[in-house]
Amino acid sequence: MAAPSPSAEGPVKDSTQANKKTTSGWSMRRWIVIGLAAFFFAFVVYEMIDPFPDQPYLEVPHGDHVHYVPKDRDPDMRLSDFPTVRPGPNERILPNGRVVEVEPEE
């Protein structure tokens, strides 16, 4: 009676296999959660870098006011050379800070 019966070994092997399946399931879930978190983080960073992708200018806070700077800004120009008033629908800010009127798009 000291010898273990074959039925006693069966459940031990089955529970070990069940633990492996559970562990791999948790691992897969963990990678999915990490992937979703990375995607969300990348989206937030992209939105922070370029919050208004359809505008040809950026809004740059400067003290108690905002300067409107074109995306193709001349790096030699000072920030204070750019307008503090949002350009109108038929206006464009040049790389040097001047605001000019343009033909309306049709």
Protein backbone atom coordinates (compact mmCIF):
# COMPACT_ATOMS: atom_id res chain seq x y z
CA MET A 1 0.00 0.00 0.00
CA ALA A 2 2.99 2.27 0.08
CA ALA A 3 3.07 2.58 -3.70
CA PRO A 4 1.01 5.50 -5.05
CA SER A 5 -1.86 4.60 -7.29
CA PRO A 6 -1.84 5.76 -10.92
CA SER A 7 -4.98 7.79 -10.31
CA ALA A 8 -3.13 9.88 -7.70
CA GLU A 9 -0.54 11.02 -10.26
CA GLY A 10 -3.12 11.96 -12.89
CA PRO A 11 -4.62 15.02 -11.16
CA VAL A 12 -1.18 16.40 -10.27
CA LYS A 13 -0.12 16.46 -13.93
CA ASP A 14 -3.45 17.96 -15.01
CA SER A 15 -3.22 20.78 -12.45
CA THR A 16 0.33 21.56 -13.58
CA GLN A 17 -0.86 21.85 -17.18
CA ALA A 18 -3.76 24.01 -16.06
CA ASN A 19 -1.33 26.34 -14.23
CA LYS A 20 0.77 26.66 -17.39
CA LYS A 21 -2.31 27.63 -19.41
CA THR A 22 -3.35 30.17 -16.77
CA THR A 23 0.17 31.61 -16.60
CA SER A 24 0.41 31.98 -20.38
CA GLY A 25 -3.05 33.57 -20.40
CA TRP A 26 -1.95 36.17 -17.84
CA SER A 27 1.21 36.77 -19.82
CA MET A 28 -0.78 37.40 -23.00
CA ARG A 29 -3.14 39.76 -21.16
CA ARG A 30 -0.19 41.60 -19.70
CA TRP A 31 1.32 42.15 -23.18
CA ILE A 32 -2.03 43.37 -24.51
CA VAL A 33 -2.36 45.86 -21.64
CA ILE A 34 1.23 47.03 -22.14
CA GLY A 35 0.59 47.45 -25.88
CA LEU A 36 -2.59 49.46 -25.30
CA ALA A 37 -0.82 51.65 -22.74
CA ALA A 38 2.05 52.29 -25.18
CA PHE A 39 -0.41 53.19 -27.94
CA PHE A 40 -2.26 55.60 -25.62
CA PHE A 41 1.03 57.19 -24.48
CA ALA A 42 2.17 57.65 -28.11
CA PHE A 43 -1.17 59.27 -28.99
CA VAL A 44 -0.94 61.69 -26.04
CA VAL A 45 2.63 62.66 -26.94
CA TYR A 46 1.62 63.25 -30.59
CA GLU A 47 -1.28 65.46 -29.49
CA MET A 48 1.03 67.44 -27.20
CA ILE A 49 3.56 68.03 -29.97
CA ASP A 50 1.07 69.12 -32.64
CA PRO A 51 -2.38 69.79 -31.13
CA PHE A 52 -3.71 71.57 -34.24
CA PRO A 53 -2.35 69.69 -37.27
CA ASP A 54 -4.60 71.47 -39.77
CA GLN A 55 -3.46 74.99 -38.80
CA PRO A 56 -0.46 76.49 -40.61
CA TYR A 57 0.69 78.13 -37.36
CA LEU A 58 1.37 77.28 -33.72
CA GLU A 59 0.11 79.09 -30.64
CA VAL A 60 3.13 79.80 -28.43
CA PRO A 61 2.42 81.07 -24.89
CA HIS A 62 4.73 83.94 -23.95
CA GLY A 63 4.11 85.40 -20.52
CA ASP A 64 0.55 86.71 -20.28
CA HIS A 65 -0.11 86.56 -24.04
CA VAL A 66 0.16 84.19 -27.00
CA HIS A 67 2.20 84.57 -30.20
CA TYR A 68 1.02 82.99 -33.42
CA VAL A 69 4.04 81.49 -35.16
CA PRO A 70 4.01 79.77 -38.59
CA LYS A 71 5.26 76.20 -38.76
CA ASP A 72 7.86 77.27 -41.33
CA ARG A 73 9.25 79.95 -39.00
CA ASP A 74 12.61 81.55 -39.71
CA PRO A 75 14.77 80.44 -36.75
CA ASP A 76 16.66 83.76 -36.83
CA MET A 77 13.49 85.73 -35.97
CA ARG A 78 12.64 86.53 -32.35
CA LEU A 79 9.37 85.28 -30.90
CA SER A 80 8.29 88.85 -30.18
CA ASP A 81 8.40 89.56 -33.97
CA PHE A 82 5.32 87.39 -34.48
CA PRO A 83 1.72 88.61 -34.06
CA THR A 84 -0.27 88.24 -30.86
CA VAL A 85 -3.57 88.27 -32.74
CA ARG A 86 -4.88 85.14 -34.47
CA PRO A 87 -4.75 85.55 -38.28
CA GLY A 88 -8.07 85.87 -40.08
CA PRO A 89 -9.42 83.36 -42.58
CA ASN A 90 -7.84 85.21 -45.54
CA GLU A 91 -4.53 85.98 -43.81
CA ARG A 92 -1.25 84.12 -43.61
CA ILE A 93 1.74 84.61 -41.33
CA LEU A 94 5.02 84.67 -43.24
CA PRO A 95 8.18 83.02 -41.83
CA ASN A 96 9.49 86.47 -40.89
CA GLY A 97 6.40 87.38 -38.82
CA ARG A 98 4.54 89.61 -41.28
CA VAL A 99 0.83 88.99 -41.83
CA VAL A 100 -0.35 89.17 -45.43
CA GLU A 101 -3.71 88.67 -47.11
CA VAL A 102 -4.12 85.68 -49.42
CA GLU A 103 -6.72 84.72 -51.97
CA PRO A 104 -9.60 82.74 -50.46
CA GLU A 105 -9.50 79.04 -51.30
CA GLU A 106 -12.38 77.82 -53.44
